[in-house]
């Protein structure tokens, strides 16, 4: 019996991962070794970019601060 599966393309997965703030470093295709087995998987290697500190710089102020600059 053949069953059709709904599977996202590699490009769509990459787009989804990038939209969530990840960087795709490598995609490895893993196919079954037997010719009769049509299983195929994708292994995505991703990383989260370094985060920039949200600490305020000296002399800066918040836009909604009641005191304003200075």
PDB file of N, CA and C in Angstrom:
ATOM      1  N   UNK A   1       0.833  -1.172   0.000  1.00  0.00           N
ATOM      2  CA  UNK A   1       0.000   0.000   0.000  1.00  0.00           C
ATOM      3  C   UNK A   1       0.883   1.243   0.000  1.00  0.00           C
ATOM      4  N   UNK A   2       0.620   2.144  -0.890  1.00  0.00           N
ATOM      5  CA  UNK A   2       1.346   3.408  -0.960  1.00  0.00           C
ATOM      6  C   UNK A   2       0.538   4.484  -0.262  1.00  0.00           C
ATOM      7  N   UNK A   3       1.204   5.232   0.589  1.00  0.00           N
ATOM      8  CA  UNK A   3       0.548   6.313   1.317  1.00  0.00           C
ATOM      9  C   UNK A   3       1.225   7.622   0.944  1.00  0.00           C
ATOM     10  N   UNK A   4       0.447   8.594   0.550  1.00  0.00           N
ATOM     11  CA  UNK A   4       0.980   9.910   0.235  1.00  0.00           C
ATOM     12  C   UNK A   4       1.081  10.718   1.532  1.00  0.00           C
ATOM     13  N   UNK A   5       2.208  11.387   1.723  1.00  0.00           N
ATOM     14  CA  UNK A   5       2.408  12.205   2.918  1.00  0.00           C
ATOM     15  C   UNK A   5       2.557  13.661   2.506  1.00  0.00           C
ATOM     16  N   UNK A   6       2.087  14.532   3.372  1.00  0.00           N
ATOM     17  CA  UNK A   6       2.259  15.960   3.157  1.00  0.00           C
ATOM     18  C   UNK A   6       3.522  16.362   3.899  1.00  0.00           C
ATOM     19  N   UNK A   7       4.531  16.758   3.149  1.00  0.00           N
ATOM     20  CA  UNK A   7       5.835  17.053   3.736  1.00  0.00           C
ATOM     21  C   UNK A   7       6.282  18.434   3.269  1.00  0.00           C
ATOM     22  N   UNK A   8       6.761  19.251   4.207  1.00  0.00           N
ATOM     23  CA  UNK A   8       7.304  20.565   3.847  1.00  0.00           C
ATOM     24  C   UNK A   8       8.587  20.380   3.038  1.00  0.00           C
ATOM     25  N   UNK A   9       8.806  21.244   2.081  1.00  0.00           N
ATOM     26  CA  UNK A   9      10.053  21.218   1.314  1.00  0.00           C
ATOM     27  C   UNK A   9      11.194  21.735   2.193  1.00  0.00           C
ATOM     28  N   UNK A  10      12.412  21.419   1.795  1.00  0.00           N
ATOM     29  CA  UNK A  10      13.571  21.916   2.548  1.00  0.00           C
ATOM     30  C   UNK A  10      13.605  23.442   2.555  1.00  0.00           C
ATOM     31  N   UNK A  11      13.233  24.047   1.431  1.00  0.00           N
ATOM     32  CA  UNK A  11      13.229  25.518   1.350  1.00  0.00           C
ATOM     33  C   UNK A  11      12.228  26.119   2.329  1.00  0.00           C
ATOM     34  N   UNK A  12      11.058  25.506   2.447  1.00  0.00           N
ATOM     35  CA  UNK A  12      10.056  26.021   3.387  1.00  0.00           C
ATOM     36  C   UNK A  12      10.538  25.879   4.819  1.00  0.00           C
ATOM     37  N   UNK A  13      11.147  24.742   5.164  1.00  0.00           N
ATOM     38  CA  UNK A  13      11.696  24.567   6.512  1.00  0.00           C
ATOM     39  C   UNK A  13      12.755  25.625   6.793  1.00  0.00           C
ATOM     40  N   UNK A  14      13.623  25.870   5.824  1.00  0.00           N
ATOM     41  CA  UNK A  14      14.660  26.886   6.022  1.00  0.00           C
ATOM     42  C   UNK A  14      14.034  28.255   6.261  1.00  0.00           C
ATOM     43  N   UNK A  15      13.030  28.599   5.482  1.00  0.00           N
ATOM     44  CA  UNK A  15      12.346  29.883   5.671  1.00  0.00           C
ATOM     45  C   UNK A  15      11.728  29.986   7.060  1.00  0.00           C
ATOM     46  N   UNK A  16      11.080  28.921   7.507  1.00  0.00           N
ATOM     47  CA  UNK A  16      10.457  28.926   8.840  1.00  0.00           C
ATOM     48  C   UNK A  16      11.497  29.086   9.942  1.00  0.00           C
ATOM     49  N   UNK A  17      12.619  28.401   9.811  1.00  0.00           N
ATOM     50  CA  UNK A  17      13.671  28.498  10.822  1.00  0.00           C
ATOM     51  C   UNK A  17      14.272  29.910  10.854  1.00  0.00           C
ATOM     52  N   UNK A  18      14.500  30.490   9.682  1.00  0.00           N
ATOM     53  CA  UNK A  18      15.059  31.846   9.606  1.00  0.00           C
ATOM     54  C   UNK A  18      14.068  32.862  10.174  1.00  0.00           C
ATOM     55  N   UNK A  19      12.782  32.689   9.888  1.00  0.00           N
ATOM     56  CA  UNK A  19      11.761  33.590  10.434  1.00  0.00           C
ATOM     57  C   UNK A  19      11.742  33.553  11.956  1.00  0.00           C
ATOM     58  N   UNK A  20      12.163  32.452  12.546  1.00  0.00           N
ATOM     59  CA  UNK A  20      12.184  32.315  14.007  1.00  0.00           C
ATOM     60  C   UNK A  20      13.518  32.734  14.604  1.00  0.00           C
ATOM     61  N   UNK A  21      14.380  33.349  13.788  1.00  0.00           N
ATOM     62  CA  UNK A  21      15.630  33.890  14.295  1.00  0.00           C
ATOM     63  C   UNK A  21      16.799  32.934  14.299  1.00  0.00           C
ATOM     64  N   UNK A  22      16.698  31.804  13.613  1.00  0.00           N
ATOM     65  CA  UNK A  22      17.794  30.847  13.563  1.00  0.00           C
ATOM     66  C   UNK A  22      18.533  30.969  12.237  1.00  0.00           C
ATOM     67  N   UNK A  23      19.790  30.546  12.239  1.00  0.00           N
ATOM     68  CA  UNK A  23      20.588  30.548  11.019  1.00  0.00           C
ATOM     69  C   UNK A  23      20.844  29.105  10.610  1.00  0.00           C
ATOM     70  N   UNK A  24      20.472  28.762   9.380  1.00  0.00           N
ATOM     71  CA  UNK A  24      20.674  27.399   8.873  1.00  0.00           C
ATOM     72  C   UNK A  24      22.112  27.292   8.381  1.00  0.00           C
ATOM     73  N   UNK A  25      22.852  26.377   8.981  1.00  0.00           N
ATOM     74  CA  UNK A  25      24.256  26.192   8.615  1.00  0.00           C
ATOM     75  C   UNK A  25      24.421  25.103   7.571  1.00  0.00           C
ATOM     76  N   UNK A  26      23.607  24.035   7.672  1.00  0.00           N
ATOM     77  CA  UNK A  26      23.799  22.890   6.789  1.00  0.00           C
ATOM     78  C   UNK A  26      22.530  22.054   6.765  1.00  0.00           C
ATOM     79  N   UNK A  27      22.225  21.476   5.598  1.00  0.00           N
ATOM     80  CA  UNK A  27      21.110  20.535   5.469  1.00  0.00           C
ATOM     81  C   UNK A  27      21.686  19.248   4.901  1.00  0.00           C
ATOM     82  N   UNK A  28      21.508  18.150   5.622  1.00  0.00           N
ATOM     83  CA  UNK A  28      22.005  16.849   5.184  1.00  0.00           C
ATOM     84  C   UNK A  28      20.824  15.978   4.797  1.00  0.00           C
ATOM     85  N   UNK A  29      20.917  15.359   3.612  1.00  0.00           N
ATOM     86  CA  UNK A  29      19.868  14.456   3.140  1.00  0.00           C
ATOM     87  C   UNK A  29      20.235  13.040   3.574  1.00  0.00           C
ATOM     88  N   UNK A  30      19.297  12.381   4.253  1.00  0.00           N
ATOM     89  CA  UNK A  30      19.503  11.006   4.711  1.00  0.00           C
ATOM     90  C   UNK A  30      18.483  10.114   4.018  1.00  0.00           C
ATOM     91  N   UNK A  31      18.948   9.370   3.025  1.00  0.00           N
ATOM     92  CA  UNK A  31      18.072   8.446   2.295  1.00  0.00           C
ATOM     93  C   UNK A  31      18.300   7.024   2.789  1.00  0.00           C
ATOM     94  N   UNK A  32      17.261   6.210   2.709  1.00  0.00           N
ATOM     95  CA  UNK A  32      17.373   4.808   3.080  1.00  0.00           C
ATOM     96  C   UNK A  32      18.336   4.112   2.103  1.00  0.00           C
ATOM     97  N   UNK A  33      19.159   3.191   2.605  1.00  0.00           N
ATOM     98  CA  UNK A  33      20.139   2.543   1.725  1.00  0.00           C
ATOM     99  C   UNK A  33      19.513   1.546   0.732  1.00  0.00           C
ATOM    100  N   UNK A  34      18.333   1.033   1.041  1.00  0.00           N
ATOM    101  CA  UNK A  34      17.705   0.059   0.153  1.00  0.00           C
ATOM    102  C   UNK A  34      16.951   0.788  -0.954  1.00  0.00           C
ATOM    103  N   UNK A  35      17.074   0.307  -2.183  1.00  0.00           N
ATOM    104  CA  UNK A  35      16.405   0.930  -3.324  1.00  0.00           C
ATOM    105  C   UNK A  35      14.879   0.847  -3.201  1.00  0.00           C
ATOM    106  N   UNK A  36      14.393  -0.161  -2.525  1.00  0.00           N
ATOM    107  CA  UNK A  36      12.939  -0.336  -2.394  1.00  0.00           C
ATOM    108  C   UNK A  36      12.346   0.509  -1.270  1.00  0.00           C
ATOM    109  N   UNK A  37      13.186   1.058  -0.414  1.00  0.00           N
ATOM    110  CA  UNK A  37      12.719   1.887   0.699  1.00  0.00           C
ATOM    111  C   UNK A  37      12.843   3.351   0.272  1.00  0.00           C
ATOM    112  N   UNK A  38      11.733   4.031   0.150  1.00  0.00           N
ATOM    113  CA  UNK A  38      11.736   5.406  -0.336  1.00  0.00           C
ATOM    114  C   UNK A  38      11.810   6.445   0.787  1.00  0.00           C
ATOM    115  N   UNK A  39      12.163   6.011   1.988  1.00  0.00           N
ATOM    116  CA  UNK A  39      12.269   6.941   3.104  1.00  0.00           C
ATOM    117  C   UNK A  39      13.430   7.909   2.857  1.00  0.00           C
ATOM    118  N   UNK A  40      13.169   9.172   3.118  1.00  0.00           N
ATOM    119  CA  UNK A  40      14.186  10.200   2.957  1.00  0.00           C
ATOM    120  C   UNK A  40      13.955  11.259   4.030  1.00  0.00           C
ATOM    121  N   UNK A  41      15.016  11.634   4.707  1.00  0.00           N
ATOM    122  CA  UNK A  41      14.920  12.602   5.794  1.00  0.00           C
ATOM    123  C   UNK A  41      15.874  13.739   5.546  1.00  0.00           C
ATOM    124  N   UNK A  42      15.604  14.876   6.170  1.00  0.00           N
ATOM    125  CA  UNK A  42      16.492  16.038   6.108  1.00  0.00           C
ATOM    126  C   UNK A  42      16.912  16.384   7.529  1.00  0.00           C
ATOM    127  N   UNK A  43      18.203  16.516   7.715  1.00  0.00           N
ATOM    128  CA  UNK A  43      18.757  16.912   9.007  1.00  0.00           C
ATOM    129  C   UNK A  43      19.236  18.358   8.867  1.00  0.00           C
ATOM    130  N   UNK A  44      18.604  19.257   9.626  1.00  0.00           N
ATOM    131  CA  UNK A  44      18.946  20.671   9.575  1.00  0.00           C
ATOM    132  C   UNK A  44      19.856  21.005  10.743  1.00  0.00           C
ATOM    133  N   UNK A  45      21.005  21.573  10.431  1.00  0.00           N
ATOM    134  CA  UNK A  45      21.908  22.048  11.467  1.00  0.00           C
ATOM    135  C   UNK A  45      21.748  23.565  11.515  1.00  0.00           C
ATOM    136  N   UNK A  46      21.270  24.060  12.653  1.00  0.00           N
ATOM    137  CA  UNK A  46      21.011  25.486  12.797  1.00  0.00           C
ATOM    138  C   UNK A  46      21.685  26.011  14.060  1.00  0.00           C
ATOM    139  N   UNK A  47      21.818  27.311  14.105  1.00  0.00           N
ATOM    140  CA  UNK A  47      22.354  27.929  15.328  1.00  0.00           C
ATOM    141  C   UNK A  47      21.590  29.212  15.588  1.00  0.00           C
ATOM    142  N   UNK A  48      21.579  29.584  16.832  1.00  0.00           N
ATOM    143  CA  UNK A  48      20.965  30.841  17.237  1.00  0.00           C
ATOM    144  C   UNK A  48      22.070  31.891  17.275  1.00  0.00           C
ATOM    145  N   UNK A  49      21.884  33.005  16.585  1.00  0.00           N
ATOM    146  CA  UNK A  49      22.918  34.047  16.596  1.00  0.00           C
ATOM    147  C   UNK A  49      23.142  34.583  18.013  1.00  0.00           C
ATOM    148  N   UNK A  50      24.332  35.127  18.241  1.00  0.00           N
ATOM    149  CA  UNK A  50      24.621  35.753  19.536  1.00  0.00           C
ATOM    150  C   UNK A  50      23.636  36.880  19.764  1.00  0.00           C
ATOM    151  N   UNK A  51      23.183  36.991  20.989  1.00  0.00           N
ATOM    152  CA  UNK A  51      22.242  38.057  21.325  1.00  0.00           C
ATOM    153  C   UNK A  51      22.995  39.297  21.768  1.00  0.00           C
ATOM    154  N   UNK A  52      22.476  40.441  21.382  1.00  0.00           N
ATOM    155  CA  UNK A  52      23.076  41.711  21.776  1.00  0.00           C
ATOM    156  C   UNK A  52      22.464  42.123  23.110  1.00  0.00           C
ATOM    157  N   UNK A  53      23.307  42.543  24.025  1.00  0.00           N
ATOM    158  CA  UNK A  53      22.832  42.953  25.342  1.00  0.00           C
ATOM    159  C   UNK A  53      21.883  44.133  25.223  1.00  0.00           C
ATOM    160  N   UNK A  54      20.865  44.121  26.043  1.00  0.00           N
ATOM    161  CA  UNK A  54      19.907  45.231  26.032  1.00  0.00           C
ATOM    162  C   UNK A  54      20.238  46.281  27.089  1.00  0.00           C
ATOM    163  N   UNK A  55      21.442  46.189  27.654  1.00  0.00           N
ATOM    164  CA  UNK A  55      21.839  47.168  28.669  1.00  0.00           C
ATOM    165  C   UNK A  55      21.901  48.558  28.042  1.00  0.00           C
ATOM    166  N   UNK A  56      21.463  49.545  28.785  1.00  0.00           N
ATOM    167  CA  UNK A  56      21.447  50.914  28.284  1.00  0.00           C
ATOM    168  C   UNK A  56      22.854  51.500  28.316  1.00  0.00           C
ATOM    169  N   UNK A  57      23.148  52.285  27.315  1.00  0.00           N
ATOM    170  CA  UNK A  57      24.438  52.962  27.253  1.00  0.00           C
ATOM    171  C   UNK A  57      24.425  54.137  28.225  1.00  0.00           C
ATOM    172  N   UNK A  58      25.584  54.508  28.767  1.00  0.00           N
ATOM    173  CA  UNK A  58      25.638  55.660  29.669  1.00  0.00           C
ATOM    174  C   UNK A  58      25.102  56.914  28.967  1.00  0.00           C
ATOM    175  N   UNK A  59      24.267  57.675  29.655  1.00  0.00           N
ATOM    176  CA  UNK A  59      23.714  58.900  29.104  1.00  0.00           C
ATOM    177  C   UNK A  59      22.457  58.689  28.281  1.00  0.00           C
ATOM    178  N   UNK A  60      22.067  57.414  28.069  1.00  0.00           N
ATOM    179  CA  UNK A  60      20.846  57.172  27.284  1.00  0.00           C
ATOM    180  C   UNK A  60      19.641  57.211  28.219  1.00  0.00           C
ATOM    181  N   UNK A  61      18.477  57.344  27.650  1.00  0.00           N
ATOM    182  CA  UNK A  61      17.257  57.358  28.451  1.00  0.00           C
ATOM    183  C   UNK A  61      16.176  56.582  27.733  1.00  0.00           C
ATOM    184  N   UNK A  62      15.166  56.188  28.479  1.00  0.00           N
ATOM    185  CA  UNK A  62      14.024  55.498  27.889  1.00  0.00           C
ATOM    186  C   UNK A  62      13.072  56.521  27.314  1.00  0.00           C
ATOM    187  N   UNK A  63      12.451  56.177  26.173  1.00  0.00           N
ATOM    188  CA  UNK A  63      11.529  57.103  25.520  1.00  0.00           C
ATOM    189  C   UNK A  63      10.350  57.444  26.414  1.00  0.00           C
ATOM    190  N   UNK A  64       9.904  56.513  27.236  1.00  0.00           N
ATOM    191  CA  UNK A  64       8.741  56.771  28.085  1.00  0.00           C
ATOM    192  C   UNK A  64       9.130  57.157  29.506  1.00  0.00           C
ATOM    193  N   UNK A  65      10.379  57.553  29.691  1.00  0.00           N
ATOM    194  CA  UNK A  65      10.847  57.974  31.010  1.00  0.00           C
ATOM    195  C   UNK A  65      10.264  59.349  31.352  1.00  0.00           C
ATOM    196  N   UNK A  66       9.742  59.520  32.569  1.00  0.00           N
ATOM    197  CA  UNK A  66       9.165  60.815  32.928  1.00  0.00           C
ATOM    198  C   UNK A  66      10.213  61.925  33.046  1.00  0.00           C
ATOM    199  N   UNK A  67      11.475  61.558  33.286  1.00  0.00           N
ATOM    200  CA  UNK A  67      12.506  62.569  33.459  1.00  0.00           C
ATOM    201  C   UNK A  67      13.132  63.020  32.141  1.00  0.00           C
ATOM    202  N   UNK A  68      13.055  62.195  31.119  1.00  0.00           N
ATOM    203  CA  UNK A  68      13.665  62.556  29.843  1.00  0.00           C
ATOM    204  C   UNK A  68      15.166  62.490  29.901  1.00  0.00           C
ATOM    205  N   UNK A  69      15.853  63.094  28.921  1.00  0.00           N
ATOM    206  CA  UNK A  69      17.308  63.033  28.891  1.00  0.00           C
ATOM    207  C   UNK A  69      17.923  63.916  29.974  1.00  0.00           C
ATOM    208  N   UNK A  70      19.138  63.520  30.338  1.00  0.00           N
ATOM    209  CA  UNK A  70      19.903  64.355  31.273  1.00  0.00           C
ATOM    210  C   UNK A  70      19.659  63.959  32.622  1.00  0.00           C
TER     211      UNK A  70
END
